Amino acid sequence: MRAQQDPPIRLVLVSREYPPFYGGGIGTYARWIVPALIDAGVRVTVITEAHDRSSPRVELQGPLTIHRVPLAIGRGGWTSAAARFSINAGRKIAELTRRGEVDLAEFAECEAAAAALLLLRGTGPRVPTLVHLHTPSEMLYQLRSLSSRAVDTSLGSYFTAERLAIRLADRIGAPSQFIASWAHHHYALPECPHVIPYAIAPPADPPPPSNDPNVLFIGRIEPRKGVESLIRAWIEVRRQHPDAMLRLAGADTASAPQGGSMRAYLQSQLSPADRQSVQFLGRLRPEALASEYAQASICVIPSLWENFPNTCIESMTHARPVVVSDNGGMAEMVADTDAGFVFTAGDPGSLQQALSRILDEPPSERARRGKVARQRIFHMCDPARVAAQRIELFQNTIARCRSRNAPGPIANDMIAEWCRCEDLLRNDTSCLDMPELSGPIAQWIEPVAAQEVIR
């Protein structure tokens, strides 16, 4: 007699970004994990934003159900909009739970979409909850990736809500050991988050190897992405490799040390001769990016702090060797393979040495490294493999929540977070212990006087 199979897991994935409206890392993660889980037998319901601002609606796409919830930014700005989305998501999950259609709910930590559901746990059936780490907003603030320059009541409440969601979740997931270890320490979590890489798109044929010494950077032109240390390293690289070209694809930001265009500031750091070897391409559409990958022989990801960036994933899937910083999950992607080189984040000298070393190699060796990179990332992020790991985590989380020994929310943590909120309301300031940046990283983040042109 055949053993009876367990019923499929019923997952609700809450992601404000979801096709056809996505572009950031969280949306890209949702884009590929959903079909991977469905192929593995999981019943998936997505709660996402109705970006066309229409009324709430339900879409059925075969085995996938999508609930689209309107989100409008009102007088309270983005903080209140995120709170409304959290409340709407919590209401929808409560409704699905009453109908017996939810086994587990997954949220990103960013924007605290899980906060409303977690705070109201005592009013209805408990839904096992997984919060997945991408990059917390408080770290984005420290890295000057948010436009605000002060932690006021609104922003402090935003950070506090994210912390509350992280600390009250049943389990925490992470795509890299880097962010898992950081969160374990920073948030004083009772256990280290469970590490499972992102799933990636089905493989397509990579472009042929390029013999030209073209180095490609893809990302926003902002301090967090390490663009200033890259430009300073490039000046020395070009002295050894005068034929090499650096192409930067990404939107400009108003994040220069004294404010204003970061792109213009970086150009001001180059001599007229060096400017000939650096091209800023702006934000490109997917088809234009594909052309850039085809022209590149090397991709560089110099981020000062990163989790598990899609730019590194895409570079490796395009069979391009990568030069990556050690302050993020990129080093885990490369590991001890020949996929590329790892340098010290924020250190132009270390970056220059890594770029020069790979440019010194013949095109055939760079092509070989690109093949290794592609094999490495497809093994690490294979959709079927990732889905199996996530299902095991889902099952374990559900079982723990059903057990009397399951570690529930810590009352002292809830009280502490509430006190922080009260402090924000009383004083319009924050007592949050914000993330600390090391010296090599902080030197590129803190506003400094503009330097003279390097000649």
Protein backbone atom coordinates (compact mmCIF):
# COMPACT_ATOMS: atom_id res chain seq x y z
CA MET A 1 0.00 0.00 0.00
CA ARG A 2 1.36 3.42 -0.94
CA ALA A 3 2.04 5.82 1.92
CA GLN A 4 -0.38 8.70 2.07
CA GLN A 5 1.27 11.94 1.00
CA ASP A 6 1.06 15.07 3.12
CA PRO A 7 -1.29 17.73 1.71
CA PRO A 8 0.48 20.58 -0.12
CA ILE A 9 1.62 23.56 1.92
CA ARG A 10 -0.59 26.62 1.48
CA LEU A 11 1.70 29.65 1.47
CA VAL A 12 0.73 33.31 1.44
CA LEU A 13 3.57 35.44 0.12
CA VAL A 14 3.21 39.17 0.85
CA SER A 15 5.28 41.28 -1.53
CA ARG A 16 4.38 44.83 -2.50
CA GLU A 17 6.37 44.27 -5.70
CA TYR A 18 5.17 41.53 -8.03
CA PRO A 19 4.93 41.19 -11.83
CA PRO A 20 4.16 43.06 -13.90
CA PHE A 21 5.12 45.83 -11.44
CA TYR A 22 8.53 45.09 -10.03
CA GLY A 23 12.14 46.09 -10.45
CA GLY A 24 13.87 45.93 -7.09
CA GLY A 25 15.47 42.98 -5.37
CA ILE A 26 12.37 42.00 -3.37
CA GLY A 27 10.19 41.94 -6.46
CA THR A 28 12.76 39.94 -8.40
CA TYR A 29 12.97 37.45 -5.55
CA ALA A 30 9.16 37.04 -5.59
CA ARG A 31 9.16 36.79 -9.39
CA TRP A 32 11.24 33.60 -9.38
CA ILE A 33 10.50 31.91 -6.06
CA VAL A 34 6.74 31.69 -6.76
CA PRO A 35 6.96 29.48 -9.91
CA ALA A 36 9.71 27.41 -8.26
CA LEU A 37 7.46 26.69 -5.26
CA ILE A 38 4.42 25.98 -7.45
CA ASP A 39 6.46 23.51 -9.52
CA ALA A 40 7.41 21.82 -6.23
CA GLY A 41 3.74 21.41 -5.25
CA VAL A 42 3.19 24.42 -2.95
CA ARG A 43 -0.13 26.25 -3.23
CA VAL A 44 0.82 29.92 -3.41
CA THR A 45 -1.29 33.00 -2.79
CA VAL A 46 0.38 36.38 -3.39
CA ILE A 47 -0.78 39.60 -1.73
CA THR A 48 0.67 42.56 -3.58
CA GLU A 49 0.03 46.18 -4.48
CA ALA A 50 -2.37 47.22 -7.22
CA HIS A 51 0.01 49.70 -8.80
CA ASP A 52 -2.68 50.97 -11.14
CA ARG A 53 -4.53 52.26 -8.01
CA SER A 54 -7.67 50.35 -8.94
CA SER A 55 -10.04 48.75 -6.41
CA PRO A 56 -8.99 45.49 -4.71
CA ARG A 57 -9.22 42.50 -7.01
CA VAL A 58 -8.32 38.83 -7.27
CA GLU A 59 -6.48 37.29 -10.22
CA LEU A 60 -6.31 33.56 -10.89
CA GLN A 61 -3.29 32.40 -12.88
CA GLY A 62 -3.61 28.62 -12.93
CA PRO A 63 -2.50 27.33 -9.50
CA LEU A 64 -1.54 30.85 -8.40
CA THR A 65 -3.95 33.29 -6.72
CA ILE A 66 -3.02 36.99 -6.60
CA HIS A 67 -4.75 39.56 -4.40
CA ARG A 68 -3.95 43.10 -5.52
CA VAL A 69 -4.46 45.78 -2.87
CA PRO A 70 -4.46 49.53 -3.70
CA LEU A 71 -1.83 51.62 -1.97
CA ALA A 72 -1.87 55.41 -2.03
CA ILE A 73 0.65 57.73 -0.40
CA GLY A 74 -1.37 60.23 1.61
CA ARG A 75 -0.57 63.02 4.08
CA GLY A 76 1.55 60.72 6.25
CA GLY A 77 3.93 60.00 3.39
CA TRP A 78 5.47 56.61 2.79
CA THR A 79 5.37 55.53 6.45
CA SER A 80 1.57 55.68 6.59
CA ALA A 81 1.29 54.08 3.14
CA ALA A 82 3.39 51.13 4.30
CA ALA A 83 1.24 50.85 7.44
CA ARG A 84 -1.92 50.74 5.32
CA PHE A 85 -0.47 48.00 3.16
CA SER A 86 0.49 46.03 6.29
CA ILE A 87 -3.05 46.38 7.68
CA ASN A 88 -4.66 45.37 4.37
CA ALA A 89 -2.34 42.36 4.08
CA GLY A 90 -3.11 41.35 7.67
CA ARG A 91 -6.85 41.58 7.04
CA LYS A 92 -6.60 39.47 3.91
CA ILE A 93 -4.51 36.80 5.68
CA ALA A 94 -7.01 36.74 8.57
CA GLU A 95 -9.81 36.20 6.04
CA LEU A 96 -7.92 33.39 4.30
CA THR A 97 -7.10 31.82 7.67
CA ARG A 98 -10.76 31.74 8.68
CA ARG A 99 -11.45 29.88 5.43
CA GLY A 100 -8.68 27.38 6.21
CA GLU A 101 -6.52 28.44 3.24
CA VAL A 102 -3.25 29.36 4.99
CA ASP A 103 -0.53 27.22 6.53
CA LEU A 104 2.21 29.86 6.61
CA ALA A 105 2.71 33.52 5.68
CA GLU A 106 5.98 34.98 4.40
CA PHE A 107 6.93 38.68 4.38
CA ALA A 108 9.98 40.78 3.59
CA GLU A 109 11.38 42.67 6.56
CA CYS A 110 11.58 45.88 4.54
CA GLU A 111 8.51 48.14 5.05
CA ALA A 112 7.30 45.95 7.96
CA ALA A 113 4.40 44.40 6.06
CA ALA A 114 4.14 41.69 8.74
CA ALA A 115 3.71 44.14 11.64
CA ALA A 116 -0.10 44.35 11.64
CA LEU A 117 -0.60 40.58 11.50
CA LEU A 118 1.95 39.93 14.25
CA LEU A 119 0.57 42.60 16.58
CA LEU A 120 -2.97 41.18 16.31
CA ARG A 121 -2.06 37.55 16.84
CA GLY A 122 -4.03 37.30 20.05
CA THR A 123 -7.33 38.16 18.33
CA GLY A 124 -7.59 35.10 16.09
CA PRO A 125 -5.95 31.87 14.88
CA ARG A 126 -2.16 31.98 14.96
CA VAL A 127 -0.59 31.97 11.50
CA PRO A 128 3.01 30.68 11.40
CA THR A 129 5.04 33.61 10.08
CA LEU A 130 8.36 33.76 8.26
CA VAL A 131 10.13 37.09 7.74
CA HIS A 132 12.73 37.07 4.99
CA LEU A 133 15.68 39.46 5.20
CA HIS A 134 16.59 41.54 2.15
CA THR A 135 18.03 44.82 3.50
CA PRO A 136 16.44 46.57 6.51
CA SER A 137 15.52 50.21 5.98
CA GLU A 138 17.65 51.36 8.93
CA MET A 139 20.73 49.99 7.17
CA LEU A 140 19.69 51.69 3.93
CA TYR A 141 19.42 54.93 5.92
CA GLN A 142 22.92 54.52 7.38
CA LEU A 143 24.24 53.90 3.87
CA ARG A 144 22.50 57.04 2.54
CA SER A 145 20.14 55.06 0.32
CA LEU A 146 17.12 56.90 1.76
CA SER A 147 16.45 60.53 0.94
CA SER A 148 15.86 61.56 4.57
CA ARG A 149 18.80 63.07 6.44
CA ALA A 150 17.28 62.77 9.95
CA VAL A 151 15.63 60.02 11.97
CA ASP A 152 12.43 61.90 12.82
CA THR A 153 9.24 60.46 14.31
CA SER A 154 8.00 59.11 10.99
CA LEU A 155 11.24 57.41 9.97
CA GLY A 156 11.99 56.18 13.48
CA SER A 157 8.55 54.58 13.67
CA TYR A 158 9.21 52.96 10.31
CA PHE A 159 12.46 51.41 11.57
CA THR A 160 10.80 50.34 14.82
CA ALA A 161 7.97 48.59 12.95
CA GLU A 162 10.49 46.62 10.90
CA ARG A 163 12.35 45.58 14.06
CA LEU A 164 9.10 44.54 15.70
CA ALA A 165 8.20 42.35 12.72
CA ILE A 166 11.65 40.74 12.74
CA ARG A 167 11.62 40.03 16.47
CA LEU A 168 8.06 38.70 16.61
CA ALA A 169 8.24 36.41 13.57
CA ASP A 170 8.31 32.66 14.15
CA ARG A 171 11.30 32.19 11.87
CA ILE A 172 13.71 34.45 10.02
CA GLY A 173 15.08 33.55 6.60
CA ALA A 174 18.04 35.06 4.74
CA PRO A 175 19.68 34.51 1.35
CA SER A 176 23.25 34.94 2.65
CA GLN A 177 25.19 34.03 5.75
CA PHE A 178 26.46 37.60 5.71
CA ILE A 179 23.11 39.21 6.49
CA ALA A 180 22.02 36.30 8.70
CA SER A 181 25.02 36.80 10.98
CA TRP A 182 24.61 40.57 10.95
CA ALA A 183 20.91 40.37 11.90
CA HIS A 184 21.57 37.76 14.58
CA HIS A 185 23.95 40.17 16.30
CA HIS A 186 22.23 43.49 15.58
CA TYR A 187 18.73 42.43 16.60
CA ALA A 188 19.86 40.09 19.40
CA LEU A 189 17.82 37.27 17.87
CA PRO A 190 17.44 34.04 19.85
CA GLU A 191 18.68 32.04 16.86
CA CYS A 192 20.55 32.80 13.65
CA PRO A 193 18.31 33.21 10.57
CA HIS A 194 18.03 30.22 8.26
CA VAL A 195 20.10 30.71 5.09
CA ILE A 196 18.67 29.75 1.69
CA PRO A 197 19.84 31.52 -1.51
CA TYR A 198 17.46 33.17 -3.95
CA ALA A 199 15.99 31.17 -6.81
CA ILE A 200 16.93 32.45 -10.25
CA ALA A 201 15.36 32.56 -13.68
CA PRO A 202 15.42 29.50 -15.95
CA PRO A 203 18.76 29.36 -17.77
CA ALA A 204 19.13 31.02 -21.16
CA ASP A 205 22.12 30.84 -23.46
CA PRO A 206 24.79 33.32 -22.33
CA PRO A 207 26.32 35.80 -24.77
CA PRO A 208 29.63 34.78 -26.35
CA PRO A 209 32.74 35.80 -24.43
CA SER A 210 34.05 39.30 -25.11
CA ASN A 211 37.72 39.87 -25.89
CA ASP A 212 37.52 43.58 -25.18
CA PRO A 213 38.80 44.87 -21.80
CA ASN A 214 35.39 46.30 -20.86
CA VAL A 215 34.39 46.40 -17.19
CA LEU A 216 30.66 46.72 -16.43
CA PHE A 217 29.02 48.13 -13.30
CA ILE A 218 25.23 47.92 -12.88
CA GLY A 219 23.46 49.67 -10.02
CA ARG A 220 22.27 53.01 -8.75
CA ILE A 221 24.95 55.70 -8.72
CA GLU A 222 25.01 56.12 -4.93
CA PRO A 223 27.51 55.71 -2.07
CA ARG A 224 26.18 52.31 -0.93
CA LYS A 225 27.13 50.79 -4.26
CA GLY A 226 30.79 51.74 -3.78
CA VAL A 227 30.93 53.95 -6.86
CA GLU A 228 33.36 56.51 -5.41
CA SER A 229 35.93 53.91 -4.39
CA LEU A 230 35.43 52.32 -7.84
CA ILE A 231 36.24 55.59 -9.63
CA ARG A 232 39.33 56.14 -7.50
CA ALA A 233 40.49 52.58 -8.15
CA TRP A 234 39.82 52.99 -11.87
CA ILE A 235 42.20 55.90 -12.18
CA GLU A 236 45.05 53.59 -11.17
CA VAL A 237 43.72 50.69 -13.24
CA ARG A 238 43.77 52.80 -16.39
CA ARG A 239 47.44 53.69 -15.90
CA GLN A 240 48.24 50.00 -16.24
CA HIS A 241 45.55 49.22 -18.82
CA PRO A 242 45.04 52.32 -21.00
CA ASP A 243 42.71 50.45 -23.39
CA ALA A 244 40.30 49.36 -20.68
CA MET A 245 36.82 50.89 -20.45
CA LEU A 246 34.52 51.25 -17.45
CA ARG A 247 30.79 51.46 -18.21
CA LEU A 248 28.32 52.30 -15.42
CA ALA A 249 24.64 51.47 -16.01
CA GLY A 250 22.26 52.83 -13.41
CA ALA A 251 20.17 55.81 -12.38
CA ASP A 252 21.86 58.89 -10.97
CA THR A 253 21.03 59.99 -7.42
CA ALA A 254 21.31 63.23 -5.44
CA SER A 255 23.77 61.68 -3.01
CA ALA A 256 27.02 63.57 -3.65
CA PRO A 257 28.95 64.58 -0.49
CA GLN A 258 27.63 68.13 -0.66
CA GLY A 259 24.34 67.14 -2.22
CA GLY A 260 23.40 67.09 -5.88
CA SER A 261 24.19 64.67 -8.68
CA MET A 262 26.47 61.78 -7.69
CA ARG A 263 27.26 61.21 -11.33
CA ALA A 264 28.47 64.80 -11.76
CA TYR A 265 30.52 64.52 -8.57
CA LEU A 266 32.23 61.35 -9.78
CA GLN A 267 32.99 62.93 -13.15
CA SER A 268 34.57 65.86 -11.33
CA GLN A 269 37.02 63.44 -9.72
CA LEU A 270 38.39 62.41 -13.12
CA SER A 271 40.94 64.19 -15.24
CA PRO A 272 39.91 64.92 -18.85
CA ALA A 273 42.01 61.98 -20.04
CA ASP A 274 40.47 59.57 -17.52
CA ARG A 275 36.96 60.66 -18.43
CA GLN A 276 37.46 59.16 -21.88
CA SER A 277 37.58 55.69 -20.33
CA VAL A 278 34.48 56.05 -18.12
CA GLN A 279 30.97 56.09 -19.56
CA PHE A 280 27.81 56.69 -17.52
CA LEU A 281 24.91 55.04 -19.35
CA GLY A 282 22.00 55.94 -17.09
CA ARG A 283 19.22 53.51 -16.28
CA LEU A 284 18.80 50.96 -19.06
CA ARG A 285 15.93 48.78 -20.19
CA PRO A 286 16.45 44.97 -20.08
CA GLU A 287 17.28 44.68 -23.76
CA ALA A 288 19.93 47.39 -23.46
CA LEU A 289 21.38 45.70 -20.38
CA ALA A 290 21.64 42.44 -22.33
CA SER A 291 23.73 44.28 -24.92
CA GLU A 292 26.00 45.66 -22.18
CA TYR A 293 26.57 42.19 -20.75
CA ALA A 294 27.52 40.99 -24.23
CA GLN A 295 30.13 43.74 -24.60
CA ALA A 296 31.59 43.26 -21.13
CA SER A 297 34.38 40.86 -20.30
CA ILE A 298 34.27 41.55 -16.53
CA CYS A 299 31.54 42.70 -14.12
CA VAL A 300 32.31 44.59 -10.93
CA ILE A 301 30.11 44.77 -7.82
CA PRO A 302 31.98 47.13 -5.45
CA SER A 303 29.15 47.62 -2.92
CA LEU A 304 30.08 48.83 0.55
CA TRP A 305 27.28 46.71 2.07
CA GLU A 306 25.08 44.26 0.22
CA ASN A 307 22.95 41.21 0.91
CA PHE A 308 22.59 38.90 -2.11
CA PRO A 309 22.45 41.29 -5.07
CA ASN A 310 20.68 40.44 -8.29
CA THR A 311 23.38 42.29 -10.21
CA CYS A 312 25.91 39.66 -9.13
CA ILE A 313 23.48 36.85 -9.93
CA GLU A 314 22.83 38.26 -13.40
CA SER A 315 26.52 38.85 -14.09
CA MET A 316 27.32 35.24 -13.26
CA THR A 317 24.38 33.82 -15.23
CA HIS A 318 25.67 35.80 -18.23
CA ALA A 319 28.96 33.88 -17.83
CA ARG A 320 31.00 36.91 -16.85
CA PRO A 321 33.70 36.74 -14.18
CA VAL A 322 33.02 39.05 -11.26
CA VAL A 323 35.08 41.29 -9.01
CA VAL A 324 33.14 41.69 -5.76
CA SER A 325 33.54 43.26 -2.33
CA ASP A 326 33.81 41.14 0.79
CA ASN A 327 31.07 43.02 2.70
CA GLY A 328 28.06 41.07 1.51
CA GLY A 329 26.76 37.81 0.09
CA MET A 330 28.76 38.30 -3.13
CA ALA A 331 31.79 36.64 -1.54
CA GLU A 332 29.61 33.61 -0.78
CA MET A 333 28.56 33.46 -4.43
CA VAL A 334 32.17 33.35 -5.57
CA ALA A 335 33.34 31.25 -2.58
CA ASP A 336 36.59 29.40 -3.29
CA THR A 337 35.94 29.01 -7.03
CA ASP A 338 37.59 30.68 -10.02
CA ALA A 339 34.44 32.71 -10.72
CA GLY A 340 36.25 35.96 -9.91
CA PHE A 341 38.08 37.90 -7.23
CA VAL A 342 37.03 39.27 -3.85
CA PHE A 343 38.47 42.56 -2.57
CA THR A 344 38.20 44.56 0.64
CA ALA A 345 35.09 46.74 0.61
CA GLY A 346 35.80 50.47 0.58
CA ASP A 347 39.50 49.99 -0.22
CA PRO A 348 40.35 51.47 -3.66
CA GLY A 349 43.81 49.88 -3.54
CA SER A 350 42.41 46.41 -3.00
CA LEU A 351 39.82 46.94 -5.75
CA GLN A 352 42.48 48.24 -8.13
CA GLN A 353 44.62 45.17 -7.54
CA ALA A 354 41.70 42.81 -8.19
CA LEU A 355 40.68 44.59 -11.40
CA SER A 356 44.25 44.80 -12.68
CA ARG A 357 44.84 41.15 -11.92
CA ILE A 358 41.88 39.98 -13.95
CA LEU A 359 42.60 42.44 -16.78
CA ASP A 360 46.15 41.06 -16.93
CA GLU A 361 44.74 37.66 -17.82
CA PRO A 362 44.20 36.65 -21.47
CA PRO A 363 40.62 36.74 -22.79
CA SER A 364 40.54 32.93 -22.84
CA GLU A 365 41.15 32.80 -19.07
CA ARG A 366 38.44 35.39 -18.40
CA ALA A 367 36.07 33.31 -20.56
CA ARG A 368 36.93 30.23 -18.50
CA ARG A 369 36.23 32.11 -15.30
CA GLY A 370 32.89 33.21 -16.75
CA LYS A 371 31.89 29.59 -17.34
CA VAL A 372 32.84 28.76 -13.75
CA ALA A 373 30.75 31.70 -12.53
CA ARG A 374 27.71 30.51 -14.47
CA GLN A 375 28.05 26.94 -13.20
CA ARG A 376 28.50 28.15 -9.64
CA ILE A 377 25.43 30.40 -9.53
CA PHE A 378 23.17 27.85 -11.25
CA HIS A 379 24.17 25.23 -8.71
CA MET A 380 23.73 27.61 -5.77
CA CYS A 381 20.43 29.13 -6.92
CA ASP A 382 18.85 26.26 -8.85
CA PRO A 383 15.07 26.82 -8.52
CA ALA A 384 14.25 23.19 -7.72
CA ARG A 385 16.99 22.98 -5.12
CA VAL A 386 16.00 26.29 -3.51
CA ALA A 387 12.32 25.33 -3.48
CA ALA A 388 13.11 22.04 -1.71
CA GLN A 389 15.11 23.91 0.94
CA ARG A 390 12.30 26.41 1.47
CA ILE A 391 9.66 23.71 1.75
CA GLU A 392 11.74 22.03 4.45
CA LEU A 393 11.93 25.37 6.28
CA PHE A 394 8.17 25.90 5.89
CA GLN A 395 7.42 22.44 7.27
CA ASN A 396 9.78 22.93 10.19
CA THR A 397 8.29 26.32 11.02
CA ILE A 398 4.72 25.01 10.92
CA ALA A 399 5.66 22.06 13.13
CA ARG A 400 7.42 24.31 15.63
CA CYS A 401 4.40 26.57 15.90
CA ARG A 402 2.17 23.59 16.61
CA SER A 403 4.51 22.36 19.33
CA ARG A 404 4.11 23.52 22.90
CA ASN A 405 7.88 24.01 23.00
CA ALA A 406 7.85 26.50 20.15
CA PRO A 407 9.65 29.74 21.12
CA GLY A 408 6.91 32.38 20.86
CA PRO A 409 7.28 36.17 20.92
CA ILE A 410 9.30 37.42 23.85
CA ALA A 411 7.18 39.70 26.04
CA ASN A 412 10.17 41.86 26.99
CA ASP A 413 10.93 42.44 23.30
CA MET A 414 7.37 43.62 22.67
CA ILE A 415 7.51 45.97 25.66
CA ALA A 416 10.90 47.33 24.62
CA GLU A 417 9.70 48.08 21.09
CA TRP A 418 6.56 49.75 22.44
CA CYS A 419 8.71 51.95 24.70
CA ARG A 420 10.76 53.00 21.70
CA CYS A 421 7.60 54.05 19.90
CA GLU A 422 6.50 56.02 22.98
CA ASP A 423 9.87 57.77 23.09
CA LEU A 424 9.56 58.76 19.44
CA LEU A 425 6.14 60.29 20.07
CA ARG A 426 7.24 62.19 23.19
CA ASN A 427 10.54 63.57 21.99
CA ASP A 428 10.37 63.50 18.19
CA THR A 429 13.78 61.85 18.33
CA SER A 430 15.02 58.31 18.28
CA CYS A 431 16.86 56.24 20.84
CA LEU A 432 17.34 53.49 18.28
CA ASP A 433 20.74 51.86 18.36
CA MET A 434 21.38 52.30 14.66
CA PRO A 435 23.71 49.99 12.73
CA GLU A 436 27.37 50.87 12.96
CA LEU A 437 29.59 51.16 9.90
CA SER A 438 33.26 50.29 9.99
CA GLY A 439 35.85 52.96 9.21
CA PRO A 440 36.63 51.80 5.64
CA ILE A 441 32.89 51.87 4.85
CA ALA A 442 31.96 55.03 6.75
CA GLN A 443 34.60 57.11 4.97
CA TRP A 444 32.59 56.91 1.75
CA ILE A 445 29.23 57.50 3.44
CA GLU A 446 29.79 60.49 5.68
CA PRO A 447 29.46 63.83 3.81
CA VAL A 448 32.88 65.32 3.21
CA ALA A 449 34.18 68.30 1.35
CA ALA A 450 34.54 67.70 -2.38
CA GLN A 451 38.04 66.67 -3.34
CA GLU A 452 40.10 68.36 -6.02
CA VAL A 453 40.19 66.80 -9.44
CA ILE A 454 42.69 63.95 -9.53
CA ARG A 455 45.13 64.51 -12.34
